[in-house]
C-alpha atoms as a PDB file:
ATOM      1  CA  MET A   1     238.484 155.841  46.679  1.00  0.00           C
ATOM      2  CA  ASN A   2     240.554 159.038  46.460  1.00  0.00           C
ATOM      3  CA  LYS A   3     239.291 162.213  44.828  1.00  0.00           C
ATOM      4  CA  TRP A   4     241.242 161.542  41.595  1.00  0.00           C
ATOM      5  CA  ALA A   5     239.728 158.117  41.221  1.00  0.00           C
ATOM      6  CA  LYS A   6     236.264 159.563  41.786  1.00  0.00           C
ATOM      7  CA  LYS A   7     236.921 162.251  39.194  1.00  0.00           C
ATOM      8  CA  ALA A   8     238.150 159.678  36.648  1.00  0.00           C
ATOM      9  CA  SER A   9     235.060 157.505  37.219  1.00  0.00           C
ATOM     10  CA  PHE A  10     232.801 160.498  36.697  1.00  0.00           C
ATOM     11  CA  ILE A  11     234.539 161.373  33.426  1.00  0.00           C
ATOM     12  CA  LEU A  12     234.205 157.769  32.207  1.00  0.00           C
ATOM     13  CA  VAL A  13     230.460 157.809  32.959  1.00  0.00           C
ATOM     14  CA  LEU A  14     230.056 161.054  30.999  1.00  0.00           C
ATOM     15  CA  LEU A  15     231.974 159.596  28.054  1.00  0.00           C
ATOM     16  CA  LEU A  16     229.852 156.435  28.088  1.00  0.00           C
ATOM     17  CA  ILE A  17     226.628 158.484  28.073  1.00  0.00           C
ATOM     18  CA  ALA A  18     227.918 160.597  25.185  1.00  0.00           C
ATOM     19  CA  ILE A  19     228.855 157.501  23.169  1.00  0.00           C
ATOM     20  CA  LEU A  20     225.477 155.823  23.753  1.00  0.00           C
ATOM     21  CA  THR A  21     223.616 159.021  22.863  1.00  0.00           C
ATOM     22  CA  ALA A  22     225.612 159.402  19.655  1.00  0.00           C
ATOM     23  CA  CYS A  23     224.986 155.771  18.671  1.00  0.00           C
ATOM     24  CA  GLY A  24     221.291 156.141  19.337  1.00  0.00           C
ATOM     25  CA  SER A  25     221.114 159.284  17.225  1.00  0.00           C
ATOM     26  CA  THR A  26     223.057 157.739  14.366  1.00  0.00           C
ATOM     27  CA  SER A  27     220.932 154.593  14.464  1.00  0.00           C
ATOM     28  CA  GLY A  28     217.746 156.621  14.319  1.00  0.00           C
ATOM     29  CA  GLU A  29     218.957 158.627  11.330  1.00  0.00           C
ATOM     30  CA  THR A  30     220.054 155.477   9.502  1.00  0.00           C
ATOM     31  CA  ASN A  31     216.714 153.765  10.123  1.00  0.00           C
ATOM     32  CA  GLY A  32     214.892 156.792   8.812  1.00  0.00           C
ATOM     33  CA  GLU A  33     217.000 156.902   5.673  1.00  0.00           C
ATOM     34  CA  GLU A  34     216.888 153.178   4.986  1.00  0.00           C
ATOM     35  CA  GLN A  35     213.391 152.366   6.182  1.00  0.00           C
ATOM     36  CA  GLU A  36     211.784 152.388   2.747  1.00  0.00           C
ATOM     37  CA  GLY A  37     214.446 150.335   1.005  1.00  0.00           C
ATOM     38  CA  SER A  38     215.581 147.699   3.462  1.00  0.00           C
ATOM     39  CA  ASN A  39     213.177 147.186   6.347  1.00  0.00           C
ATOM     40  CA  LYS A  40     209.908 146.580   4.496  1.00  0.00           C
ATOM     41  CA  GLU A  41     208.458 144.027   2.146  1.00  0.00           C
ATOM     42  CA  LEU A  42     206.446 144.845  -0.936  1.00  0.00           C
ATOM     43  CA  MET A  43     203.564 142.565  -1.881  1.00  0.00           C
ATOM     44  CA  ILE A  44     202.541 142.893  -5.523  1.00  0.00           C
ATOM     45  CA  GLY A  45     199.549 141.106  -7.019  1.00  0.00           C
ATOM     46  CA  GLN A  46     200.090 138.950 -10.075  1.00  0.00           C
ATOM     47  CA  ILE A  47     197.361 137.791 -12.466  1.00  0.00           C
ATOM     48  CA  ASN A  48     198.047 134.867 -14.793  1.00  0.00           C
ATOM     49  CA  TRP A  49     198.001 136.954 -17.950  1.00  0.00           C
ATOM     50  CA  ALA A  50     201.072 137.035 -20.183  1.00  0.00           C
ATOM     51  CA  GLU A  51     201.750 140.759 -19.902  1.00  0.00           C
ATOM     52  CA  ASN A  52     201.011 140.778 -16.163  1.00  0.00           C
ATOM     53  CA  ILE A  53     203.465 137.979 -15.434  1.00  0.00           C
ATOM     54  CA  ALA A  54     206.022 139.900 -17.500  1.00  0.00           C
ATOM     55  CA  VAL A  55     205.682 143.283 -15.798  1.00  0.00           C
ATOM     56  CA  THR A  56     205.361 141.919 -12.253  1.00  0.00           C
ATOM     57  CA  ASN A  57     208.581 139.948 -12.659  1.00  0.00           C
ATOM     58  CA  MET A  58     210.235 142.966 -14.263  1.00  0.00           C
ATOM     59  CA  TRP A  59     209.377 145.176 -11.286  1.00  0.00           C
ATOM     60  CA  LYS A  60     210.354 142.452  -8.821  1.00  0.00           C
ATOM     61  CA  ALA A  61     213.821 142.368 -10.433  1.00  0.00           C
ATOM     62  CA  ILE A  62     214.129 146.177 -10.527  1.00  0.00           C
ATOM     63  CA  LEU A  63     213.014 146.667  -6.928  1.00  0.00           C
ATOM     64  CA  GLU A  64     215.070 143.817  -5.492  1.00  0.00           C
ATOM     65  CA  ASP A  65     218.119 145.286  -7.199  1.00  0.00           C
ATOM     66  CA  LYS A  66     217.346 148.444  -5.217  1.00  0.00           C
ATOM     67  CA  GLY A  67     217.226 146.552  -1.935  1.00  0.00           C
ATOM     68  CA  TYR A  68     213.513 145.849  -1.588  1.00  0.00           C
ATOM     69  CA  ASN A  69     212.095 142.472  -0.609  1.00  0.00           C
ATOM     70  CA  VAL A  70     209.350 141.810  -3.167  1.00  0.00           C
ATOM     71  CA  LYS A  71     206.811 138.998  -3.067  1.00  0.00           C
ATOM     72  CA  LEU A  72     204.295 138.212  -5.816  1.00  0.00           C
ATOM     73  CA  ASN A  73     200.848 136.952  -4.849  1.00  0.00           C
ATOM     74  CA  VAL A  74     198.914 135.212  -7.647  1.00  0.00           C
ATOM     75  CA  LEU A  75     195.233 136.204  -7.551  1.00  0.00           C
ATOM     76  CA  ASN A  76     192.363 136.813  -9.938  1.00  0.00           C
ATOM     77  CA  MET A  77     191.226 140.369 -10.613  1.00  0.00           C
ATOM     78  CA  GLY A  78     188.391 140.454  -8.102  1.00  0.00           C
ATOM     79  CA  ALA A  79     190.547 139.053  -5.292  1.00  0.00           C
ATOM     80  CA  THR A  80     193.315 141.495  -6.236  1.00  0.00           C
ATOM     81  CA  MET A  81     191.062 144.501  -5.737  1.00  0.00           C
ATOM     82  CA  LYS A  82     189.773 143.214  -2.404  1.00  0.00           C
ATOM     83  CA  ALA A  83     193.353 142.584  -1.216  1.00  0.00           C
ATOM     84  CA  LEU A  84     194.318 146.138  -2.157  1.00  0.00           C
ATOM     85  CA  GLU A  85     191.304 147.415  -0.257  1.00  0.00           C
ATOM     86  CA  SER A  86     192.230 145.434   2.864  1.00  0.00           C
ATOM     87  CA  GLY A  87     195.923 146.352   2.618  1.00  0.00           C
ATOM     88  CA  ASP A  88     197.034 142.740   2.096  1.00  0.00           C
ATOM     89  CA  LEU A  89     198.507 143.825  -1.251  1.00  0.00           C
ATOM     90  CA  ASP A  90     200.612 146.920  -1.833  1.00  0.00           C
ATOM     91  CA  ALA A  91     200.151 147.203  -5.584  1.00  0.00           C
ATOM     92  CA  SER A  92     198.541 145.813  -8.714  1.00  0.00           C
ATOM     93  CA  LEU A  93     200.269 146.777 -11.942  1.00  0.00           C
ATOM     94  CA  GLU A  94     197.490 146.345 -14.507  1.00  0.00           C
ATOM     95  CA  ILE A  95     194.244 148.311 -14.522  1.00  0.00           C
ATOM     96  CA  TRP A  96     192.621 148.848 -17.934  1.00  0.00           C
ATOM     97  CA  LEU A  97     190.601 152.045 -18.310  1.00  0.00           C
ATOM     98  CA  PRO A  98     188.304 153.647 -19.275  1.00  0.00           C
ATOM     99  CA  VAL A  99     186.216 150.539 -20.131  1.00  0.00           C
ATOM    100  CA  GLN A 100     187.606 147.117 -19.187  1.00  0.00           C
ATOM    101  CA  ASP A 101     188.110 147.639 -15.448  1.00  0.00           C
ATOM    102  CA  ALA A 102     185.570 150.433 -14.994  1.00  0.00           C
ATOM    103  CA  ILE A 103     183.507 148.203 -12.695  1.00  0.00           C
ATOM    104  CA  TYR A 104     186.455 147.996 -10.280  1.00  0.00           C
ATOM    105  CA  LEU A 105     187.135 151.714 -10.445  1.00  0.00           C
ATOM    106  CA  GLU A 106     183.505 152.412  -9.599  1.00  0.00           C
ATOM    107  CA  LYS A 107     183.446 149.919  -6.715  1.00  0.00           C
ATOM    108  CA  PHE A 108     186.851 150.634  -5.146  1.00  0.00           C
ATOM    109  CA  GLN A 109     187.634 154.256  -6.021  1.00  0.00           C
ATOM    110  CA  ASP A 110     187.258 155.352  -2.379  1.00  0.00           C
ATOM    111  CA  THR A 111     189.256 152.483  -0.858  1.00  0.00           C
ATOM    112  CA  VAL A 112     192.022 151.901  -3.436  1.00  0.00           C
ATOM    113  CA  THR A 113     194.311 154.426  -5.144  1.00  0.00           C
ATOM    114  CA  PHE A 114     194.085 154.268  -8.944  1.00  0.00           C
ATOM    115  CA  SER A 115     197.001 155.978 -10.671  1.00  0.00           C
ATOM    116  CA  GLU A 116     196.464 158.903 -13.002  1.00  0.00           C
ATOM    117  CA  SER A 117     199.657 157.896 -14.787  1.00  0.00           C
ATOM    118  CA  THR A 118     199.591 155.125 -17.396  1.00  0.00           C
ATOM    119  CA  TRP A 119     202.367 152.787 -18.504  1.00  0.00           C
ATOM    120  CA  PHE A 120     200.810 151.765 -21.833  1.00  0.00           C
ATOM    121  CA  ASP A 121     198.596 154.081 -23.863  1.00  0.00           C
ATOM    122  CA  GLN A 122     197.635 152.127 -26.984  1.00  0.00           C
ATOM    123  CA  ALA A 123     195.895 149.023 -25.654  1.00  0.00           C
ATOM    124  CA  LYS A 124     193.015 147.406 -27.524  1.00  0.00           C
ATOM    125  CA  VAL A 125     190.390 144.875 -26.481  1.00  0.00           C
ATOM    126  CA  GLY A 126     187.800 143.015 -28.505  1.00  0.00           C
ATOM    127  CA  LEU A 127     186.631 139.706 -29.907  1.00  0.00           C
ATOM    128  CA  ILE A 128     189.126 137.980 -32.215  1.00  0.00           C
ATOM    129  CA  VAL A 129     188.832 135.286 -34.857  1.00  0.00           C
ATOM    130  CA  PRO A 130     191.505 133.740 -37.090  1.00  0.00           C
ATOM    131  CA  THR A 131     192.090 135.698 -40.314  1.00  0.00           C
ATOM    132  CA  TYR A 132     191.095 132.681 -42.439  1.00  0.00           C
ATOM    133  CA  LEU A 133     187.471 133.347 -41.415  1.00  0.00           C
ATOM    134  CA  GLU A 134     187.151 135.858 -44.250  1.00  0.00           C
ATOM    135  CA  ASP A 135     183.372 136.283 -44.031  1.00  0.00           C
ATOM    136  CA  ILE A 136     183.387 137.190 -40.350  1.00  0.00           C
ATOM    137  CA  ASN A 137     184.678 140.706 -39.744  1.00  0.00           C
ATOM    138  CA  SER A 138     182.223 142.221 -37.297  1.00  0.00           C
ATOM    139  CA  VAL A 139     180.482 141.228 -34.084  1.00  0.00           C
ATOM    140  CA  GLU A 140     177.279 141.654 -36.089  1.00  0.00           C
ATOM    141  CA  ASP A 141     178.319 138.709 -38.305  1.00  0.00           C
ATOM    142  CA  LEU A 142     178.435 136.205 -35.459  1.00  0.00           C
ATOM    143  CA  ASN A 143     174.771 135.197 -35.134  1.00  0.00           C
ATOM    144  CA  GLU A 144     174.629 134.387 -38.831  1.00  0.00           C
ATOM    145  CA  HIS A 145     177.482 131.911 -38.346  1.00  0.00           C
ATOM    146  CA  LYS A 146     176.755 130.714 -34.814  1.00  0.00           C
ATOM    147  CA  GLU A 147     176.757 127.031 -35.850  1.00  0.00           C
ATOM    148  CA  LEU A 148     180.412 127.347 -36.856  1.00  0.00           C
ATOM    149  CA  PHE A 149     181.288 128.295 -33.285  1.00  0.00           C
ATOM    150  CA  ASN A 150     178.824 125.990 -31.519  1.00  0.00           C
ATOM    151  CA  SER A 151     177.348 129.243 -30.187  1.00  0.00           C
ATOM    152  CA  GLU A 152     180.340 129.576 -27.837  1.00  0.00           C
ATOM    153  CA  ILE A 153     182.768 132.384 -27.138  1.00  0.00           C
ATOM    154  CA  VAL A 154     185.887 130.838 -25.583  1.00  0.00           C
ATOM    155  CA  GLY A 155     186.878 133.090 -22.683  1.00  0.00           C
ATOM    156  CA  PHE A 156     189.369 133.197 -19.834  1.00  0.00           C
ATOM    157  CA  ASP A 157     189.311 134.120 -16.117  1.00  0.00           C
ATOM    158  CA  PRO A 158     185.852 134.608 -14.584  1.00  0.00           C
ATOM    159  CA  GLY A 159     185.648 138.003 -12.898  1.00  0.00           C
ATOM    160  CA  ALA A 160     188.106 139.679 -15.261  1.00  0.00           C
ATOM    161  CA  GLY A 161     186.890 143.075 -16.438  1.00  0.00           C
ATOM    162  CA  THR A 162     187.054 142.030 -20.087  1.00  0.00           C
ATOM    163  CA  MET A 163     184.871 139.002 -19.359  1.00  0.00           C
ATOM    164  CA  GLU A 164     182.280 141.312 -17.790  1.00  0.00           C
ATOM    165  CA  VAL A 165     182.414 143.572 -20.859  1.00  0.00           C
ATOM    166  CA  THR A 166     182.040 140.523 -23.125  1.00  0.00           C
ATOM    167  CA  GLU A 167     178.856 139.570 -21.261  1.00  0.00           C
ATOM    168  CA  GLN A 168     177.626 143.117 -21.898  1.00  0.00           C
ATOM    169  CA  LEU A 169     178.576 142.750 -25.572  1.00  0.00           C
ATOM    170  CA  ILE A 170     176.464 139.574 -25.850  1.00  0.00           C
ATOM    171  CA  GLU A 171     173.515 141.543 -24.475  1.00  0.00           C
ATOM    172  CA  ASP A 172     174.124 144.643 -26.616  1.00  0.00           C
ATOM    173  CA  TYR A 173     174.206 142.651 -29.855  1.00  0.00           C
ATOM    174  CA  ASN A 174     171.629 140.024 -28.832  1.00  0.00           C
ATOM    175  CA  LEU A 175     174.210 137.347 -29.574  1.00  0.00           C
ATOM    176  CA  GLU A 176     172.964 133.792 -29.368  1.00  0.00           C
ATOM    177  CA  PHE A 177     176.237 132.763 -27.773  1.00  0.00           C
ATOM    178  CA  GLU A 178     177.433 131.579 -24.369  1.00  0.00           C
ATOM    179  CA  LEU A 179     180.661 132.927 -22.894  1.00  0.00           C
ATOM    180  CA  ILE A 180     182.766 130.003 -21.605  1.00  0.00           C
ATOM    181  CA  ALA A 181     185.061 130.910 -18.691  1.00  0.00           C
ATOM    182  CA  SER A 182     188.389 129.115 -18.182  1.00  0.00           C
ATOM    183  CA  SER A 183     191.839 130.677 -17.820  1.00  0.00           C
ATOM    184  CA  GLU A 184     194.125 132.594 -20.135  1.00  0.00           C
ATOM    185  CA  PRO A 185     196.462 129.602 -20.750  1.00  0.00           C
ATOM    186  CA  ALA A 186     193.451 127.365 -21.494  1.00  0.00           C
ATOM    187  CA  MET A 187     191.962 129.955 -23.868  1.00  0.00           C
ATOM    188  CA  LEU A 188     195.285 130.396 -25.690  1.00  0.00           C
ATOM    189  CA  SER A 189     195.605 126.623 -25.997  1.00  0.00           C
ATOM    190  CA  GLU A 190     192.153 126.454 -27.606  1.00  0.00           C
ATOM    191  CA  ILE A 191     193.081 129.264 -30.014  1.00  0.00           C
ATOM    192  CA  GLY A 192     196.294 127.429 -30.933  1.00  0.00           C
ATOM    193  CA  LYS A 193     194.469 124.158 -31.591  1.00  0.00           C
ATOM    194  CA  ALA A 194     191.826 125.917 -33.697  1.00  0.00           C
ATOM    195  CA  VAL A 195     194.397 127.710 -35.853  1.00  0.00           C
ATOM    196  CA  GLU A 196     196.445 124.531 -36.306  1.00  0.00           C
ATOM    197  CA  ASN A 197     193.358 122.760 -37.627  1.00  0.00           C
ATOM    198  CA  GLU A 198     191.913 125.842 -39.375  1.00  0.00           C
ATOM    199  CA  VAL A 199     188.603 125.605 -37.552  1.00  0.00           C
ATOM    200  CA  PRO A 200     186.510 128.540 -36.261  1.00  0.00           C
ATOM    201  CA  ILE A 201     187.013 130.063 -32.827  1.00  0.00           C
ATOM    202  CA  VAL A 202     186.039 133.397 -31.298  1.00  0.00           C
ATOM    203  CA  SER A 203     187.523 134.760 -28.074  1.00  0.00           C
ATOM    204  CA  PRO A 204     187.943 138.021 -26.169  1.00  0.00           C
ATOM    205  CA  LEU A 205     191.553 139.156 -26.423  1.00  0.00           C
ATOM    206  CA  TRP A 206     193.690 142.215 -25.940  1.00  0.00           C
ATOM    207  CA  SER A 207     196.751 143.900 -27.347  1.00  0.00           C
ATOM    208  CA  PRO A 208     199.581 144.022 -26.330  1.00  0.00           C
ATOM    209  CA  HIS A 209     199.768 140.234 -26.270  1.00  0.00           C
ATOM    210  CA  SER A 210     202.361 137.775 -27.534  1.00  0.00           C
ATOM    211  CA  VAL A 211     199.670 135.579 -29.136  1.00  0.00           C
ATOM    212  CA  PHE A 212     199.498 137.955 -32.118  1.00  0.00           C
ATOM    213  CA  ALA A 213     203.112 137.094 -32.940  1.00  0.00           C
ATOM    214  CA  ASN A 214     202.224 133.390 -32.994  1.00  0.00           C
ATOM    215  CA  TYR A 215     198.960 133.335 -34.966  1.00  0.00           C
ATOM    216  CA  ASP A 216     197.216 135.404 -37.631  1.00  0.00           C
ATOM    217  CA  LEU A 217     194.241 136.826 -35.757  1.00  0.00           C
ATOM    218  CA  LYS A 218     191.982 139.816 -36.320  1.00  0.00           C
ATOM    219  CA  PHE A 219     189.776 141.922 -34.086  1.00  0.00           C
ATOM    220  CA  LEU A 220     186.109 141.976 -35.039  1.00  0.00           C
ATOM    221  CA  GLU A 221     184.575 145.388 -35.638  1.00  0.00           C
ATOM    222  CA  ASP A 222     182.459 146.585 -32.732  1.00  0.00           C
ATOM    223  CA  PRO A 223     180.002 149.162 -34.165  1.00  0.00           C
ATOM    224  CA  LYS A 224     178.276 149.712 -30.816  1.00  0.00           C
ATOM    225  CA  ASN A 225     181.701 150.331 -29.240  1.00  0.00           C
ATOM    226  CA  THR A 226     180.934 148.095 -26.252  1.00  0.00           C
ATOM    227  CA  PHE A 227     184.626 147.308 -25.815  1.00  0.00           C
ATOM    228  CA  GLY A 228     185.486 150.991 -26.153  1.00  0.00           C
ATOM    229  CA  GLY A 229     188.277 152.463 -28.226  1.00  0.00           C
ATOM    230  CA  ILE A 230     191.857 152.866 -27.083  1.00  0.00           C
ATOM    231  CA  GLU A 231     192.429 151.558 -23.568  1.00  0.00           C
ATOM    232  CA  LYS A 232     195.176 152.773 -21.245  1.00  0.00           C
ATOM    233  CA  ILE A 233     196.871 150.642 -18.609  1.00  0.00           C
ATOM    234  CA  HIS A 234     197.217 152.127 -15.121  1.00  0.00           C
ATOM    235  CA  HIS A 235     198.419 150.717 -11.807  1.00  0.00           C
ATOM    236  CA  ALA A 236     196.664 150.706  -8.432  1.00  0.00           C
ATOM    237  CA  THR A 237     197.975 150.748  -4.865  1.00  0.00           C
ATOM    238  CA  ARG A 238     196.562 150.402  -1.383  1.00  0.00           C
ATOM    239  CA  LEU A 239     195.665 153.571   0.480  1.00  0.00           C
ATOM    240  CA  GLY A 240     198.752 155.051   2.139  1.00  0.00           C
ATOM    241  CA  PHE A 241     201.217 153.406  -0.251  1.00  0.00           C
ATOM    242  CA  GLU A 242     202.463 156.718  -1.628  1.00  0.00           C
ATOM    243  CA  GLU A 243     203.291 157.928   1.883  1.00  0.00           C
ATOM    244  CA  ASP A 244     204.941 154.638   2.898  1.00  0.00           C
ATOM    245  CA  TYR A 245     206.886 154.185  -0.346  1.00  0.00           C
ATOM    246  CA  PRO A 246     207.314 157.623  -1.967  1.00  0.00           C
ATOM    247  CA  GLU A 247     210.325 156.485  -3.999  1.00  0.00           C
ATOM    248  CA  VAL A 248     208.612 153.408  -5.467  1.00  0.00           C
ATOM    249  CA  SER A 249     205.429 155.393  -6.049  1.00  0.00           C
ATOM    250  CA  GLU A 250     207.402 157.898  -8.122  1.00  0.00           C
ATOM    251  CA  TRP A 251     209.047 155.100 -10.102  1.00  0.00           C
ATOM    252  CA  PHE A 252     205.680 153.518 -10.923  1.00  0.00           C
ATOM    253  CA  ASN A 253     204.423 156.901 -12.142  1.00  0.00           C
ATOM    254  CA  ASN A 254     207.515 157.336 -14.364  1.00  0.00           C
ATOM    255  CA  TRP A 255     207.021 153.909 -15.978  1.00  0.00           C
ATOM    256  CA  LYS A 256     206.204 153.998 -19.737  1.00  0.00           C
ATOM    257  CA  MET A 257     206.431 151.258 -22.369  1.00  0.00           C
ATOM    258  CA  ASP A 258     205.565 150.973 -26.048  1.00  0.00           C
ATOM    259  CA  GLU A 259     204.258 147.936 -27.913  1.00  0.00           C
ATOM    260  CA  GLN A 260     207.698 146.773 -29.047  1.00  0.00           C
ATOM    261  CA  GLN A 261     209.141 146.999 -25.534  1.00  0.00           C
ATOM    262  CA  ILE A 262     206.306 145.125 -23.811  1.00  0.00           C
ATOM    263  CA  GLY A 263     206.238 142.556 -26.630  1.00  0.00           C
ATOM    264  CA  GLN A 264     209.954 141.859 -26.225  1.00  0.00           C
ATOM    265  CA  LEU A 265     209.604 141.655 -22.437  1.00  0.00           C
ATOM    266  CA  ILE A 266     206.765 139.121 -22.724  1.00  0.00           C
ATOM    267  CA  ASP A 267     208.831 137.073 -25.193  1.00  0.00           C
ATOM    268  CA  TYR A 268     211.871 137.037 -22.879  1.00  0.00           C
ATOM    269  CA  VAL A 269     209.784 136.057 -19.855  1.00  0.00           C
ATOM    270  CA  GLU A 270     207.898 133.318 -21.703  1.00  0.00           C
ATOM    271  CA  SER A 271     211.069 131.928 -23.296  1.00  0.00           C
ATOM    272  CA  ALA A 272     212.959 131.605 -20.003  1.00  0.00           C
ATOM    273  CA  SER A 273     212.700 128.610 -17.670  1.00  0.00           C
ATOM    274  CA  ASP A 274     212.309 131.136 -14.833  1.00  0.00           C
ATOM    275  CA  PRO A 275     210.190 134.257 -15.583  1.00  0.00           C
ATOM    276  CA  LEU A 276     212.344 136.349 -13.240  1.00  0.00           C
ATOM    277  CA  GLU A 277     215.500 135.446 -15.160  1.00  0.00           C
ATOM    278  CA  GLY A 278     213.796 136.367 -18.421  1.00  0.00           C
ATOM    279  CA  ALA A 279     212.826 139.741 -16.939  1.00  0.00           C
ATOM    280  CA  LYS A 280     216.393 140.328 -15.730  1.00  0.00           C
ATOM    281  CA  LYS A 281     217.721 139.641 -19.236  1.00  0.00           C
ATOM    282  CA  TRP A 282     215.297 142.188 -20.675  1.00  0.00           C
ATOM    283  CA  ILE A 283     216.288 144.769 -18.036  1.00  0.00           C
ATOM    284  CA  GLU A 284     219.972 144.240 -18.829  1.00  0.00           C
ATOM    285  CA  GLU A 285     219.302 144.961 -22.504  1.00  0.00           C
ATOM    286  CA  ASN A 286     217.044 147.938 -21.725  1.00  0.00           C
ATOM    287  CA  GLN A 287     218.861 149.453 -18.754  1.00  0.00           C
ATOM    288  CA  GLU A 288     218.787 152.963 -20.212  1.00  0.00           C
ATOM    289  CA  LEU A 289     214.976 152.850 -20.381  1.00  0.00           C
ATOM    290  CA  VAL A 290     214.696 151.437 -16.854  1.00  0.00           C
ATOM    291  CA  ASP A 291     217.038 154.166 -15.573  1.00  0.00           C
ATOM    292  CA  GLU A 292     214.579 156.765 -16.904  1.00  0.00           C
ATOM    293  CA  TRP A 293     211.890 155.299 -14.621  1.00  0.00           C
ATOM    294  CA  ILE A 294     213.993 155.055 -11.470  1.00  0.00           C
ATOM    295  CA  LYS A 295     216.005 158.274 -11.810  1.00  0.00           C
END
């Protein structure tokens, strides 16, 4: 090989090294920029409550539109908190404080991140009865009419914070009632049947909830304030989530809804054959609001 050939080979080697170095640098920068949005999955817990199904599908649609791969894992409240603690879940979007989920805050406050921000600030929880039960307006009226209810309070998911508070309410008021656990759909079905036949029923329920648009129900007065006053709905994430997903963490903290907005979202999700499609329809009609969260 003559000296010119050697020189040309040397130049080609230098060019090849430069090209590979540049590609490696560019690839590294791109991975760093896109890591949060494209290379990771988000696992969000879903609880079979009307508003929870609505907001989890709403955020799945919003985040997937931004390039995230979002999976929803259906769990009860207790399992949700344990999965956040272990890191098997990234987020849970519904924590009621200061009363309903206080037991979970106390137990997991060092191993799960509870948001200071709230997405709904006017929530209410209590026992409800149909409005046609005109003589029953307070929890204190229940024992006097226990035969009407077969001494049963028709409840929903065992382990839910509100179910725990209802057990405390039974103790606080010395109610001669048993709390019957089932599921939210089963409880709502029982409420619907009772109202259709105008028979008595008493259940723990919360607002916002679409059931109030379907039936005339009233909250019973709670003089001892066992259920608390106004509840606020927070979200919770696994430890380290804010560092791993700073953009999503900021969006969750920006998230705010009023009663009309959450009510419409629940209606759209429940009316659709696919909850995700119902959520997408709501987002399309409320894009300006959503843009305020993800700005």
